[in-house]
Amino acid sequence: MLNIILILLGVAAIAAGYLRARGPWARYQALKAQDENIARYESWRGGIRDTGKTGASIAMEMLRKQARDGALIAGAGFAIVLVGLFIR
């Protein structure tokens, strides 16, 4: 009985982690693509790009952290499922 409960808790944690990481990861990828596009444009234009912190770079760090936290929750859920499978 304990193994079924652990498996269900693990599946719930995997789903929660995925849902928590999906949004920030998509937004991070969009900001990253936009930043790369700006870098290509400025290199084509011949301008020197400022390498200091910008609002977008700070947002990208926060989004990356949120996505990483969601992935860790999903990973913990996977570990719980494995424990539930191996408990007799």
N, C-alpha and C. Protein backbone atom coordinates (compact mmCIF):
# COMPACT_ATOMS: atom_id res chain seq x y z
N MET A 1 0.81 -1.20 0.00
CA MET A 1 0.00 0.00 0.00
C MET A 1 0.86 1.27 0.00
N LEU A 2 1.97 1.22 0.75
CA LEU A 2 2.86 2.38 0.83
C LEU A 2 3.46 2.69 -0.53
N ASN A 3 3.78 1.65 -1.31
CA ASN A 3 4.37 1.90 -2.62
C ASN A 3 3.41 2.59 -3.56
N ILE A 4 2.13 2.28 -3.49
CA ILE A 4 1.14 2.94 -4.36
C ILE A 4 1.02 4.41 -3.98
N ILE A 5 1.03 4.70 -2.68
CA ILE A 5 0.96 6.08 -2.22
C ILE A 5 2.18 6.87 -2.69
N LEU A 6 3.37 6.25 -2.57
CA LEU A 6 4.59 6.93 -3.01
C LEU A 6 4.58 7.18 -4.52
N ILE A 7 4.11 6.22 -5.27
CA ILE A 7 4.05 6.39 -6.72
C ILE A 7 3.10 7.52 -7.08
N LEU A 8 1.95 7.57 -6.45
CA LEU A 8 1.00 8.64 -6.73
C LEU A 8 1.55 10.01 -6.32
N LEU A 9 2.21 10.07 -5.17
CA LEU A 9 2.83 11.33 -4.74
C LEU A 9 3.94 11.75 -5.71
N GLY A 10 4.71 10.79 -6.17
CA GLY A 10 5.77 11.08 -7.12
C GLY A 10 5.23 11.59 -8.44
N VAL A 11 4.19 10.98 -8.94
CA VAL A 11 3.58 11.43 -10.20
C VAL A 11 3.01 12.83 -10.03
N ALA A 12 2.40 13.10 -8.87
CA ALA A 12 1.87 14.44 -8.61
C ALA A 12 3.01 15.46 -8.56
N ALA A 13 4.14 15.10 -7.96
CA ALA A 13 5.28 16.01 -7.89
C ALA A 13 5.88 16.24 -9.28
N ILE A 14 5.92 15.21 -10.10
CA ILE A 14 6.43 15.38 -11.47
C ILE A 14 5.53 16.33 -12.24
N ALA A 15 4.23 16.16 -12.12
CA ALA A 15 3.29 17.05 -12.82
C ALA A 15 3.41 18.48 -12.31
N ALA A 16 3.50 18.65 -10.99
CA ALA A 16 3.62 20.00 -10.42
C ALA A 16 4.92 20.66 -10.86
N GLY A 17 6.01 19.91 -10.86
CA GLY A 17 7.29 20.46 -11.28
C GLY A 17 7.29 20.85 -12.75
N TYR A 18 6.69 20.01 -13.57
CA TYR A 18 6.60 20.33 -15.01
C TYR A 18 5.77 21.59 -15.23
N LEU A 19 4.63 21.67 -14.57
CA LEU A 19 3.78 22.85 -14.74
C LEU A 19 4.45 24.11 -14.21
N ARG A 20 5.23 23.96 -13.15
CA ARG A 20 5.93 25.11 -12.59
C ARG A 20 7.09 25.56 -13.46
N ALA A 21 7.75 24.66 -14.16
CA ALA A 21 8.92 25.00 -14.97
C ALA A 21 8.57 25.40 -16.39
N ARG A 22 7.43 24.98 -16.89
CA ARG A 22 7.09 25.19 -18.31
C ARG A 22 7.00 26.66 -18.68
N GLY A 23 6.28 27.45 -17.92
CA GLY A 23 6.09 28.87 -18.25
C GLY A 23 7.38 29.67 -18.21
N PRO A 24 8.14 29.63 -17.09
CA PRO A 24 9.39 30.38 -17.04
C PRO A 24 10.40 29.94 -18.10
N TRP A 25 10.43 28.65 -18.42
CA TRP A 25 11.39 28.18 -19.42
C TRP A 25 11.05 28.73 -20.81
N ALA A 26 9.77 28.76 -21.14
CA ALA A 26 9.36 29.30 -22.44
C ALA A 26 9.68 30.79 -22.53
N ARG A 27 9.42 31.52 -21.46
CA ARG A 27 9.72 32.96 -21.45
C ARG A 27 11.23 33.19 -21.50
N TYR A 28 12.01 32.36 -20.80
CA TYR A 28 13.47 32.47 -20.85
C TYR A 28 13.98 32.25 -22.27
N GLN A 29 13.45 31.25 -22.95
CA GLN A 29 13.89 30.98 -24.32
C GLN A 29 13.56 32.15 -25.24
N ALA A 30 12.40 32.79 -25.04
CA ALA A 30 12.02 33.94 -25.86
C ALA A 30 12.95 35.12 -25.60
N LEU A 31 13.27 35.38 -24.33
CA LEU A 31 14.19 36.48 -24.02
C LEU A 31 15.59 36.19 -24.55
N LYS A 32 16.02 34.94 -24.48
CA LYS A 32 17.33 34.55 -24.97
C LYS A 32 17.41 34.75 -26.49
N ALA A 33 16.37 34.35 -27.20
CA ALA A 33 16.34 34.54 -28.65
C ALA A 33 16.35 36.02 -29.01
N GLN A 34 15.61 36.81 -28.26
CA GLN A 34 15.58 38.25 -28.51
C GLN A 34 16.95 38.87 -28.24
N ASP A 35 17.61 38.45 -27.19
CA ASP A 35 18.94 38.96 -26.86
C ASP A 35 19.95 38.59 -27.94
N GLU A 36 19.88 37.35 -28.44
CA GLU A 36 20.77 36.92 -29.52
C GLU A 36 20.51 37.72 -30.79
N ASN A 37 19.24 38.01 -31.07
CA ASN A 37 18.89 38.79 -32.24
C ASN A 37 19.45 40.21 -32.14
N ILE A 38 19.36 40.82 -30.97
CA ILE A 38 19.91 42.15 -30.76
C ILE A 38 21.42 42.12 -30.92
N ALA A 39 22.08 41.08 -30.40
CA ALA A 39 23.53 40.96 -30.54
C ALA A 39 23.93 40.84 -32.01
N ARG A 40 23.19 40.05 -32.80
CA ARG A 40 23.49 39.93 -34.23
C ARG A 40 23.31 41.27 -34.94
N TYR A 41 22.24 41.97 -34.60
CA TYR A 41 21.98 43.26 -35.24
C TYR A 41 23.08 44.26 -34.90
N GLU A 42 23.48 44.33 -33.65
CA GLU A 42 24.51 45.29 -33.28
C GLU A 42 25.86 44.92 -33.86
N SER A 43 26.16 43.63 -34.02
CA SER A 43 27.43 43.25 -34.65
C SER A 43 27.39 43.57 -36.14
N TRP A 44 26.23 43.42 -36.77
CA TRP A 44 26.08 43.76 -38.18
C TRP A 44 26.23 45.27 -38.37
N ARG A 45 25.68 46.01 -37.43
CA ARG A 45 25.72 47.45 -37.49
C ARG A 45 27.10 48.01 -37.18
N GLY A 46 27.91 47.23 -36.50
CA GLY A 46 29.26 47.66 -36.18
C GLY A 46 29.37 48.37 -34.85
N GLY A 47 28.33 48.33 -34.08
CA GLY A 47 28.35 48.99 -32.79
C GLY A 47 28.96 48.12 -31.72
N ILE A 48 29.35 48.75 -30.64
CA ILE A 48 29.90 48.02 -29.50
C ILE A 48 28.76 47.78 -28.52
N ARG A 49 28.64 46.54 -28.11
CA ARG A 49 27.53 46.17 -27.23
C ARG A 49 27.96 46.30 -25.78
N ASP A 50 27.13 46.96 -24.98
CA ASP A 50 27.37 47.08 -23.56
C ASP A 50 27.14 45.72 -22.91
N THR A 51 28.11 45.26 -22.13
CA THR A 51 28.00 43.93 -21.52
C THR A 51 27.52 43.99 -20.07
N GLY A 52 27.07 45.15 -19.62
CA GLY A 52 26.59 45.28 -18.25
C GLY A 52 25.24 44.60 -18.05
N LYS A 53 24.82 44.59 -16.79
CA LYS A 53 23.52 43.99 -16.46
C LYS A 53 22.40 44.85 -17.01
N THR A 54 21.43 44.18 -17.59
CA THR A 54 20.24 44.86 -18.08
C THR A 54 19.03 44.25 -17.38
N GLY A 55 17.90 44.88 -17.56
CA GLY A 55 16.68 44.33 -16.99
C GLY A 55 16.37 42.96 -17.57
N ALA A 56 16.65 42.80 -18.87
CA ALA A 56 16.39 41.51 -19.51
C ALA A 56 17.31 40.42 -18.96
N SER A 57 18.57 40.75 -18.71
CA SER A 57 19.49 39.73 -18.20
C SER A 57 19.11 39.32 -16.78
N ILE A 58 18.64 40.27 -15.97
CA ILE A 58 18.19 39.94 -14.62
C ILE A 58 16.93 39.08 -14.69
N ALA A 59 16.01 39.42 -15.60
CA ALA A 59 14.79 38.61 -15.78
C ALA A 59 15.15 37.21 -16.25
N MET A 60 16.14 37.09 -17.14
CA MET A 60 16.56 35.77 -17.61
C MET A 60 17.12 34.93 -16.47
N GLU A 61 17.89 35.55 -15.56
CA GLU A 61 18.41 34.82 -14.41
C GLU A 61 17.28 34.33 -13.52
N MET A 62 16.29 35.18 -13.28
CA MET A 62 15.16 34.79 -12.44
C MET A 62 14.35 33.68 -13.08
N LEU A 63 14.11 33.77 -14.38
CA LEU A 63 13.35 32.74 -15.08
C LEU A 63 14.10 31.41 -15.10
N ARG A 64 15.42 31.49 -15.28
CA ARG A 64 16.23 30.27 -15.26
C ARG A 64 16.14 29.60 -13.89
N LYS A 65 16.18 30.41 -12.82
CA LYS A 65 16.08 29.86 -11.46
C LYS A 65 14.71 29.23 -11.24
N GLN A 66 13.65 29.88 -11.69
CA GLN A 66 12.31 29.32 -11.53
C GLN A 66 12.17 28.01 -12.29
N ALA A 67 12.71 27.95 -13.50
CA ALA A 67 12.64 26.72 -14.29
C ALA A 67 13.47 25.62 -13.63
N ARG A 68 14.63 25.99 -13.09
CA ARG A 68 15.47 25.00 -12.40
C ARG A 68 14.76 24.45 -11.17
N ASP A 69 14.08 25.32 -10.41
CA ASP A 69 13.33 24.87 -9.24
C ASP A 69 12.23 23.88 -9.63
N GLY A 70 11.52 24.18 -10.72
CA GLY A 70 10.49 23.26 -11.20
C GLY A 70 11.08 21.93 -11.63
N ALA A 71 12.24 21.98 -12.28
CA ALA A 71 12.90 20.74 -12.70
C ALA A 71 13.35 19.92 -11.50
N LEU A 72 13.81 20.59 -10.45
CA LEU A 72 14.21 19.87 -9.24
C LEU A 72 13.01 19.20 -8.57
N ILE A 73 11.87 19.86 -8.59
CA ILE A 73 10.65 19.27 -8.02
C ILE A 73 10.26 18.03 -8.83
N ALA A 74 10.34 18.14 -10.16
CA ALA A 74 10.02 16.99 -11.00
C ALA A 74 11.03 15.86 -10.79
N GLY A 75 12.30 16.20 -10.62
CA GLY A 75 13.31 15.18 -10.35
C GLY A 75 13.09 14.48 -9.03
N ALA A 76 12.70 15.25 -8.02
CA ALA A 76 12.38 14.64 -6.72
C ALA A 76 11.17 13.72 -6.85
N GLY A 77 10.20 14.13 -7.65
CA GLY A 77 9.04 13.28 -7.88
C GLY A 77 9.43 11.97 -8.56
N PHE A 78 10.36 12.06 -9.51
CA PHE A 78 10.84 10.85 -10.18
C PHE A 78 11.53 9.92 -9.18
N ALA A 79 12.33 10.51 -8.28
CA ALA A 79 13.00 9.70 -7.26
C ALA A 79 11.98 9.04 -6.33
N ILE A 80 10.92 9.76 -5.99
CA ILE A 80 9.87 9.19 -5.14
C ILE A 80 9.17 8.03 -5.85
N VAL A 81 8.94 8.19 -7.15
CA VAL A 81 8.33 7.10 -7.91
C VAL A 81 9.25 5.87 -7.89
N LEU A 82 10.55 6.08 -8.08
CA LEU A 82 11.48 4.95 -8.05
C LEU A 82 11.48 4.27 -6.70
N VAL A 83 11.48 5.06 -5.64
CA VAL A 83 11.43 4.47 -4.29
C VAL A 83 10.14 3.67 -4.14
N GLY A 84 9.03 4.22 -4.63
CA GLY A 84 7.75 3.51 -4.55
C GLY A 84 7.75 2.21 -5.34
N LEU A 85 8.49 2.18 -6.43
CA LEU A 85 8.56 0.95 -7.22
C LEU A 85 9.40 -0.14 -6.56
N PHE A 86 10.43 0.28 -5.82
CA PHE A 86 11.34 -0.71 -5.24
C PHE A 86 10.98 -1.13 -3.82
N ILE A 87 10.02 -0.46 -3.20
CA ILE A 87 9.58 -0.87 -1.87
C ILE A 87 8.61 -2.04 -2.00
N ARG A 88 8.81 -3.02 -1.19
CA ARG A 88 7.95 -4.22 -1.26
C ARG A 88 6.98 -4.21 -0.14
